[in-house]
């Protein structure tokens, strides 16, 4: 019996690494399995803007090279773009106290919404 994953080669290699880590070390806390270093306690970022330019207050809970967890009352739709100045991000998850986003490369930006 086996399992066949239909995923990219990079994801397959990362999954193999995680399985090997589990077999070798047993259960591990999530921080040792993360692909990017996280930083918490960032206080200088206090708001983001929606695609329409509307500002929303936020507090950074967790920050990595690839994304962030934000405490906010705003609930942009999953998949929506938000902006931190010139930095764009996509909402990937709603949490009880906020949202999670992944940062976008310039070539990943969606075209502006038609007025």
Protein backbone atom coordinates (compact mmCIF):
# COMPACT_ATOMS: atom_id res chain seq x y z
CA UNK A 1 0.00 0.00 0.00
CA UNK A 2 1.22 3.50 -0.76
CA UNK A 3 0.22 7.05 -1.35
CA UNK A 4 0.80 8.92 -4.60
CA UNK A 5 1.01 12.70 -4.39
CA UNK A 6 0.21 14.78 -7.45
CA UNK A 7 2.32 17.79 -6.52
CA UNK A 8 5.26 19.75 -7.89
CA UNK A 9 8.81 18.43 -7.54
CA UNK A 10 9.60 21.18 -5.00
CA UNK A 11 6.56 20.31 -2.88
CA UNK A 12 7.39 16.59 -3.17
CA UNK A 13 10.95 17.25 -1.91
CA UNK A 14 9.64 19.39 0.97
CA UNK A 15 7.09 16.71 1.92
CA UNK A 16 9.82 14.04 1.87
CA UNK A 17 11.96 16.27 4.11
CA UNK A 18 9.07 16.69 6.58
CA UNK A 19 8.36 12.94 6.65
CA UNK A 20 12.06 12.16 7.17
CA UNK A 21 12.20 14.72 9.99
CA UNK A 22 9.14 13.12 11.61
CA UNK A 23 10.57 9.58 11.33
CA UNK A 24 13.96 10.69 12.64
CA UNK A 25 12.88 13.02 15.43
CA UNK A 26 9.24 12.14 16.13
CA UNK A 27 6.75 14.90 16.60
CA UNK A 28 8.31 18.33 16.51
CA UNK A 29 6.92 21.71 17.25
CA UNK A 30 5.71 23.61 14.20
CA UNK A 31 8.48 26.19 14.33
CA UNK A 32 11.15 23.64 13.46
CA UNK A 33 9.24 22.65 10.32
CA UNK A 34 8.66 26.15 8.95
CA UNK A 35 10.25 27.02 5.64
CA UNK A 36 10.86 30.69 6.58
CA UNK A 37 12.10 32.36 9.73
CA UNK A 38 9.29 34.14 11.62
CA UNK A 39 9.53 37.42 13.50
CA UNK A 40 6.94 38.62 15.99
CA UNK A 41 6.42 41.89 17.82
CA UNK A 42 6.71 44.15 14.77
CA UNK A 43 5.04 47.36 15.90
CA UNK A 44 5.79 49.78 13.04
CA UNK A 45 3.17 48.31 10.68
CA UNK A 46 -0.25 49.41 11.89
CA UNK A 47 -2.48 49.44 8.79
CA UNK A 48 -3.03 48.09 5.31
CA UNK A 49 -5.05 49.28 2.33
CA UNK A 50 -7.62 47.34 0.34
CA UNK A 51 -7.66 47.31 -3.47
CA UNK A 52 -10.11 50.23 -3.33
CA UNK A 53 -7.66 52.21 -1.15
CA UNK A 54 -9.66 51.90 2.08
CA UNK A 55 -7.35 51.75 5.12
CA UNK A 56 -7.78 49.15 7.86
CA UNK A 57 -6.02 49.03 11.23
CA UNK A 58 -3.95 45.94 12.00
CA UNK A 59 -1.31 44.53 14.31
CA UNK A 60 1.36 42.13 13.03
CA UNK A 61 1.20 38.89 15.00
CA UNK A 62 3.71 36.88 12.96
CA UNK A 63 5.96 37.92 10.06
CA UNK A 64 7.98 35.78 7.66
CA UNK A 65 9.68 36.39 4.33
CA UNK A 66 6.69 34.81 2.60
CA UNK A 67 3.75 36.31 4.51
CA UNK A 68 2.23 37.49 7.77
CA UNK A 69 -0.53 36.95 10.30
CA UNK A 70 -2.42 40.13 11.11
CA UNK A 71 -4.78 40.92 13.95
CA UNK A 72 -7.54 43.05 12.43
CA UNK A 73 -11.27 43.53 12.48
CA UNK A 74 -11.26 43.88 8.68
CA UNK A 75 -12.19 40.78 6.69
CA UNK A 76 -11.09 41.15 3.07
CA UNK A 77 -12.24 38.19 0.98
CA UNK A 78 -9.87 35.25 0.64
CA UNK A 79 -7.90 35.90 -2.55
CA UNK A 80 -8.20 39.70 -2.24
CA UNK A 81 -5.08 41.83 -2.60
CA UNK A 82 -4.10 44.20 0.17
CA UNK A 83 -1.21 46.65 0.31
CA UNK A 84 1.38 47.76 2.85
CA UNK A 85 2.67 50.82 1.01
CA UNK A 86 4.33 49.37 -2.10
CA UNK A 87 4.19 45.79 -0.81
CA UNK A 88 1.25 43.72 -2.05
CA UNK A 89 -0.16 40.62 -0.38
CA UNK A 90 -3.00 38.15 -0.98
CA UNK A 91 -5.39 37.10 1.78
CA UNK A 92 -5.12 33.32 2.19
CA UNK A 93 -6.96 32.64 5.45
CA UNK A 94 -9.37 34.14 7.95
CA UNK A 95 -8.60 33.55 11.62
CA UNK A 96 -10.75 34.31 14.69
CA UNK A 97 -8.73 37.46 15.38
CA UNK A 98 -7.59 38.46 11.90
CA UNK A 99 -6.20 37.30 8.58
CA UNK A 100 -3.16 35.56 7.10
CA UNK A 101 -1.53 36.87 3.93
CA UNK A 102 1.21 35.85 1.52
CA UNK A 103 3.38 38.52 -0.04
CA UNK A 104 3.23 38.86 -3.81
CA UNK A 105 5.99 39.40 -6.32
CA UNK A 106 5.32 42.27 -8.74
CA UNK A 107 4.50 39.81 -11.55
CA UNK A 108 1.76 38.23 -9.37
CA UNK A 109 -0.27 41.40 -8.93
CA UNK A 110 -3.83 41.30 -10.18
CA UNK A 111 -4.92 44.07 -12.54
CA UNK A 112 -6.84 46.91 -10.83
CA UNK A 113 -10.59 46.49 -10.52
CA UNK A 114 -12.62 48.31 -13.17
CA UNK A 115 -14.36 51.42 -11.86
